Structure formats: structure tokens, C-alpha cells
C-alpha atoms as a PDB file:
ATOM      1  CA  MET A   1       6.987  18.399 -15.450  1.00  0.00           C
ATOM      2  CA  THR A   2       8.456  19.202 -12.061  1.00  0.00           C
ATOM      3  CA  ALA A   3       6.284  18.644  -9.006  1.00  0.00           C
ATOM      4  CA  THR A   4       4.907  21.786  -7.388  1.00  0.00           C
ATOM      5  CA  ASP A   5       5.072  22.723  -3.719  1.00  0.00           C
ATOM      6  CA  ALA A   6       1.296  22.129  -3.485  1.00  0.00           C
ATOM      7  CA  GLU A   7       1.742  18.675  -5.009  1.00  0.00           C
ATOM      8  CA  ALA A   8       4.565  17.736  -2.616  1.00  0.00           C
ATOM      9  CA  GLU A   9       2.532  18.966   0.360  1.00  0.00           C
ATOM     10  CA  ALA A  10      -0.490  16.944  -0.801  1.00  0.00           C
ATOM     11  CA  LEU A  11       1.679  13.832  -1.087  1.00  0.00           C
ATOM     12  CA  VAL A  12       2.990  14.398   2.449  1.00  0.00           C
ATOM     13  CA  ARG A  13      -0.607  14.711   3.719  1.00  0.00           C
ATOM     14  CA  LEU A  14      -1.531  11.465   1.935  1.00  0.00           C
ATOM     15  CA  VAL A  15       1.448   9.652   3.467  1.00  0.00           C
ATOM     16  CA  ARG A  16       0.553  10.967   6.925  1.00  0.00           C
ATOM     17  CA  ARG A  17      -3.072   9.812   6.571  1.00  0.00           C
ATOM     18  CA  ARG A  18      -1.695   6.318   6.090  1.00  0.00           C
ATOM     19  CA  ARG A  19       0.243   6.746   9.345  1.00  0.00           C
ATOM     20  CA  ALA A  20       3.454   5.979   7.479  1.00  0.00           C
ATOM     21  CA  GLN A  21       6.871   6.834   8.859  1.00  0.00           C
ATOM     22  CA  THR A  22       9.056   5.762   5.932  1.00  0.00           C
ATOM     23  CA  ILE A  23       8.930   6.226   2.173  1.00  0.00           C
ATOM     24  CA  ALA A  24      11.006   5.210  -0.823  1.00  0.00           C
ATOM     25  CA  ILE A  25      10.982   7.535  -3.811  1.00  0.00           C
ATOM     26  CA  GLY A  26      11.337   6.379  -7.389  1.00  0.00           C
ATOM     27  CA  SER A  27      11.672   8.588 -10.436  1.00  0.00           C
ATOM     28  CA  GLY A  28      12.917   8.821 -13.953  1.00  0.00           C
ATOM     29  CA  ARG A  29      16.254  10.466 -14.649  1.00  0.00           C
ATOM     30  CA  THR A  30      15.090  13.569 -16.474  1.00  0.00           C
ATOM     31  CA  PRO A  31      15.886  16.896 -14.799  1.00  0.00           C
ATOM     32  CA  HIS A  32      12.173  17.450 -14.001  1.00  0.00           C
ATOM     33  CA  ALA A  33      11.779  13.976 -12.475  1.00  0.00           C
ATOM     34  CA  LEU A  34      14.942  14.299 -10.394  1.00  0.00           C
ATOM     35  CA  GLU A  35      13.879  17.728  -9.138  1.00  0.00           C
ATOM     36  CA  SER A  36      10.437  16.311  -8.274  1.00  0.00           C
ATOM     37  CA  ALA A  37      12.058  13.541  -6.235  1.00  0.00           C
ATOM     38  CA  ARG A  38      14.229  16.083  -4.382  1.00  0.00           C
ATOM     39  CA  LEU A  39      11.233  18.326  -3.684  1.00  0.00           C
ATOM     40  CA  ILE A  40       9.142  15.432  -2.334  1.00  0.00           C
ATOM     41  CA  GLU A  41      12.001  14.150  -0.185  1.00  0.00           C
ATOM     42  CA  ALA A  42      12.613  17.612   1.286  1.00  0.00           C
ATOM     43  CA  ALA A  43       8.904  18.126   2.059  1.00  0.00           C
ATOM     44  CA  TRP A  44       8.663  14.671   3.655  1.00  0.00           C
ATOM     45  CA  GLU A  45      11.753  15.162   5.796  1.00  0.00           C
ATOM     46  CA  ARG A  46      10.589  18.645   6.894  1.00  0.00           C
ATOM     47  CA  ALA A  47       7.427  16.891   8.108  1.00  0.00           C
ATOM     48  CA  GLY A  48       9.560  14.537  10.209  1.00  0.00           C
ATOM     49  CA  GLY A  49       9.433  11.508   7.919  1.00  0.00           C
ATOM     50  CA  THR A  50      12.276   9.258   6.822  1.00  0.00           C
ATOM     51  CA  THR A  51      13.214   8.529   3.218  1.00  0.00           C
ATOM     52  CA  LEU A  52      14.753   5.055   3.039  1.00  0.00           C
ATOM     53  CA  ALA A  53      15.964   5.326  -0.560  1.00  0.00           C
ATOM     54  CA  THR A  54      15.652   7.241  -3.787  1.00  0.00           C
ATOM     55  CA  ILE A  55      15.827   4.998  -6.847  1.00  0.00           C
ATOM     56  CA  THR A  56      15.994   6.225 -10.439  1.00  0.00           C
ATOM     57  CA  TRP A  57      15.280   4.430 -13.691  1.00  0.00           C
ATOM     58  CA  PRO A  58      15.880   5.153 -17.376  1.00  0.00           C
ATOM     59  CA  GLU A  59      13.224   6.268 -19.848  1.00  0.00           C
ATOM     60  CA  THR A  60      14.327   3.560 -22.262  1.00  0.00           C
ATOM     61  CA  GLY A  61      16.272   0.385 -21.704  1.00  0.00           C
ATOM     62  CA  ALA A  62      16.473  -3.327 -22.237  1.00  0.00           C
ATOM     63  CA  SER A  63      15.203  -4.175 -18.767  1.00  0.00           C
ATOM     64  CA  TRP A  64      13.933  -2.516 -15.627  1.00  0.00           C
ATOM     65  CA  LEU A  65      14.365  -5.621 -13.457  1.00  0.00           C
ATOM     66  CA  ARG A  66      17.410  -4.362 -11.529  1.00  0.00           C
ATOM     67  CA  HIS A  67      15.751  -0.991 -10.830  1.00  0.00           C
ATOM     68  CA  ALA A  68      12.430  -2.600  -9.886  1.00  0.00           C
ATOM     69  CA  SER A  69      14.112  -5.095  -7.573  1.00  0.00           C
ATOM     70  CA  ARG A  70      16.033  -2.319  -5.782  1.00  0.00           C
ATOM     71  CA  PHE A  71      12.907  -0.160  -5.428  1.00  0.00           C
ATOM     72  CA  ALA A  72      10.720  -2.969  -4.068  1.00  0.00           C
ATOM     73  CA  ALA A  73      13.408  -4.388  -1.763  1.00  0.00           C
ATOM     74  CA  VAL A  74      13.461  -1.238   0.368  1.00  0.00           C
ATOM     75  CA  GLU A  75      10.041  -2.168   1.855  1.00  0.00           C
ATOM     76  CA  PRO A  76       8.954   1.296   3.031  1.00  0.00           C
ATOM     77  CA  ASP A  77       5.584   2.038   4.544  1.00  0.00           C
ATOM     78  CA  VAL A  78       4.727   3.857   1.290  1.00  0.00           C
ATOM     79  CA  TRP A  79       6.358   4.064  -2.131  1.00  0.00           C
ATOM     80  CA  VAL A  80       6.224   7.419  -3.965  1.00  0.00           C
ATOM     81  CA  MET A  81       6.697   7.543  -7.738  1.00  0.00           C
ATOM     82  CA  ALA A  82       7.340  10.341 -10.222  1.00  0.00           C
ATOM     83  CA  GLY A  83       7.409  10.303 -14.029  1.00  0.00           C
ATOM     84  CA  PRO A  84       8.025  10.751 -16.855  1.00  0.00           C
ATOM     85  CA  ALA A  85       5.420   8.555 -18.487  1.00  0.00           C
ATOM     86  CA  THR A  86       7.328   6.012 -20.574  1.00  0.00           C
ATOM     87  CA  GLY A  87       9.925   5.080 -17.977  1.00  0.00           C
ATOM     88  CA  TRP A  88       7.310   5.034 -15.218  1.00  0.00           C
ATOM     89  CA  ALA A  89       5.125   2.659 -17.235  1.00  0.00           C
ATOM     90  CA  GLN A  90       8.025   0.299 -17.996  1.00  0.00           C
ATOM     91  CA  MET A  91       9.152   0.360 -14.366  1.00  0.00           C
ATOM     92  CA  THR A  92       5.624  -0.218 -13.067  1.00  0.00           C
ATOM     93  CA  ARG A  93       5.055  -3.184 -15.377  1.00  0.00           C
ATOM     94  CA  ARG A  94       8.292  -4.747 -14.140  1.00  0.00           C
ATOM     95  CA  LEU A  95       7.323  -4.060 -10.518  1.00  0.00           C
ATOM     96  CA  LEU A  96       3.979  -5.797 -11.061  1.00  0.00           C
ATOM     97  CA  TRP A  97       5.487  -8.812 -12.817  1.00  0.00           C
ATOM     98  CA  SER A  98       8.577  -9.383 -10.706  1.00  0.00           C
ATOM     99  CA  THR A  99       8.317  -7.928  -7.194  1.00  0.00           C
ATOM    100  CA  SER A 100       6.177  -7.571  -4.083  1.00  0.00           C
ATOM    101  CA  TRP A 101       5.373  -3.922  -4.972  1.00  0.00           C
ATOM    102  CA  ARG A 102       1.673  -3.054  -4.788  1.00  0.00           C
ATOM    103  CA  PRO A 103      -0.105   0.005  -6.209  1.00  0.00           C
ATOM    104  CA  GLU A 104      -2.278   0.355  -3.108  1.00  0.00           C
ATOM    105  CA  ARG A 105       0.887   1.116  -1.095  1.00  0.00           C
ATOM    106  CA  THR A 106       1.991   3.727  -3.619  1.00  0.00           C
ATOM    107  CA  LEU A 107       1.479   7.447  -4.171  1.00  0.00           C
ATOM    108  CA  ALA A 108       2.329   9.236  -7.400  1.00  0.00           C
ATOM    109  CA  THR A 109       2.883  12.699  -8.791  1.00  0.00           C
ATOM    110  CA  ALA A 110       0.825  14.598 -11.335  1.00  0.00           C
ATOM    111  CA  ALA A 111       3.262  13.460 -14.041  1.00  0.00           C
ATOM    112  CA  VAL A 112       1.934   9.930 -13.484  1.00  0.00           C
ATOM    113  CA  GLY A 113      -1.693  10.896 -12.818  1.00  0.00           C
ATOM    114  CA  ASP A 114      -2.647  11.482 -16.418  1.00  0.00           C
ATOM    115  CA  PRO A 115      -5.178   8.974 -17.787  1.00  0.00           C
ATOM    116  CA  ARG A 116      -2.987   8.460 -20.887  1.00  0.00           C
ATOM    117  CA  THR A 117       0.015   7.621 -18.703  1.00  0.00           C
ATOM    118  CA  LEU A 118      -1.968   5.260 -16.483  1.00  0.00           C
ATOM    119  CA  ALA A 119      -3.352   3.548 -19.598  1.00  0.00           C
ATOM    120  CA  LEU A 120       0.197   2.524 -20.549  1.00  0.00           C
ATOM    121  CA  VAL A 121       0.071   0.061 -17.642  1.00  0.00           C
ATOM    122  CA  GLY A 122      -3.702  -0.478 -17.581  1.00  0.00           C
ATOM    123  CA  LEU A 123      -6.052   0.771 -14.891  1.00  0.00           C
ATOM    124  CA  ILE A 124      -6.985  -2.814 -14.036  1.00  0.00           C
ATOM    125  CA  ASN A 125      -3.394  -3.247 -12.771  1.00  0.00           C
ATOM    126  CA  LEU A 126      -3.318  -0.040 -10.736  1.00  0.00           C
ATOM    127  CA  ASN A 127      -6.283  -0.232  -8.357  1.00  0.00           C
ATOM    128  CA  GLY A 128      -5.451   1.586  -5.137  1.00  0.00           C
ATOM    129  CA  LEU A 129      -2.854   3.914  -6.661  1.00  0.00           C
ATOM    130  CA  VAL A 130      -3.375   7.430  -5.292  1.00  0.00           C
ATOM    131  CA  GLY A 131      -1.687  10.641  -6.318  1.00  0.00           C
ATOM    132  CA  ALA A 132      -1.610  14.403  -6.190  1.00  0.00           C
ATOM    133  CA  THR A 133      -2.161  16.997  -8.883  1.00  0.00           C
ATOM    134  CA  ALA A 134      -0.010  20.069  -9.414  1.00  0.00           C
ATOM    135  CA  HIS A 135      -2.712  22.079  -7.592  1.00  0.00           C
ATOM    136  CA  GLY A 136      -2.625  19.841  -4.507  1.00  0.00           C
ATOM    137  CA  THR A 137      -5.872  17.968  -5.127  1.00  0.00           C
ATOM    138  CA  THR A 138      -5.827  14.190  -5.315  1.00  0.00           C
ATOM    139  CA  TRP A 139      -6.681  11.439  -7.761  1.00  0.00           C
ATOM    140  CA  LEU A 140      -7.257   7.715  -7.347  1.00  0.00           C
ATOM    141  CA  VAL A 141      -7.459   4.543  -9.411  1.00  0.00           C
ATOM    142  CA  ASP A 142     -10.359   2.470  -8.073  1.00  0.00           C
ATOM    143  CA  ASP A 143     -12.616  -0.153  -9.652  1.00  0.00           C
ATOM    144  CA  ASP A 144     -10.453   0.029 -12.787  1.00  0.00           C
ATOM    145  CA  THR A 145     -11.279   3.724 -13.263  1.00  0.00           C
ATOM    146  CA  PHE A 146      -9.428   7.005 -12.855  1.00  0.00           C
ATOM    147  CA  GLN A 147     -11.193   9.206 -10.302  1.00  0.00           C
ATOM    148  CA  TYR A 148     -10.466  12.908 -10.052  1.00  0.00           C
ATOM    149  CA  PRO A 149     -10.899  14.511  -7.656  1.00  0.00           C
ATOM    150  CA  ALA A 150     -10.460  11.441  -5.534  1.00  0.00           C
ATOM    151  CA  ARG A 151     -12.463  10.389  -2.522  1.00  0.00           C
ATOM    152  CA  THR A 152      -9.206   9.788  -0.646  1.00  0.00           C
ATOM    153  CA  GLN A 153     -10.489  10.638   2.818  1.00  0.00           C
ATOM    154  CA  GLU A 154     -11.990   7.179   3.197  1.00  0.00           C
ATOM    155  CA  ARG A 155      -9.337   5.349   1.145  1.00  0.00           C
ATOM    156  CA  SER A 156      -5.984   6.755   2.191  1.00  0.00           C
END
């Protein structure tokens, strides 16, 4: 699914609450994921932020190490990730195993914020991950649980 305007605006608000200036966007290569990345980047730049890089990854592949290394090496204030589910899960596992990437420095789209998608990686590995829904509300992984709507005012 393609991110909505409300979702992109919610992600921008979440980034701003963290007092971030720079983001890196990662997404799958499906048309919906690529459009989501473009929408988020445009909303962020309209708000005066800087996008350091946009990295894409495949839905299937032998390894996500090269993509994960490129994504993590950018070292933005905040990483922003979009789906789809399978590629996101593979990429996130590789990020956790092989890089300095941390979920608590990451925001995600509604395509990622489905409990079934998060379960592909395991909630225990995603504490601190925050995201936006298509309606512009937020969700959070905290204490190994998926919380919706999130209590992001005190966490983000």
C-alpha cells in the first residue's frame, strides 16, 4: 500500500518531535513502496528537513547485507522505513545482525505497522520502533508489544 498524505505528515511530526534535521529513507522496490518513499521525502523536505539518502531493497534475494550496510552507513538523525512486509523483514533482520542500525532511531509506515509484519522480525527485536497509520495516528513497539494508538508524546 502507498503511504497517505496523513501518514507522511504524521511521520514528519514524529521526526520533528525528536528534533531531527536529517533522515534516510529505506523502502522496497514495489511501485507502492517507491511512491511512499517519494511522498515521505517530499513532505519532509517541504517541512525544511534534509534527506541524506533513499535506499531500496528487493523483496526476495540471497542477501540484504549490501543494502543494509548502505542504509546504516548514512547515519541520519532518524531512519524511515516503508514496506512491503517480506523485504522489510529480511532487511530489518540484516540491519539488526550486521549494522549499527537501531529500531529506537527508526520510524515506519503503515505497511510495516501491521502486527503480522512486525512478527516476521519479532517484537522483542523492535522495541522503540514507532510508526504512523494511514489515518495519521501512531503506533509503537514497547516492552515487546505492539501498541496502537501509541503513547508517543512521551516516547518520541
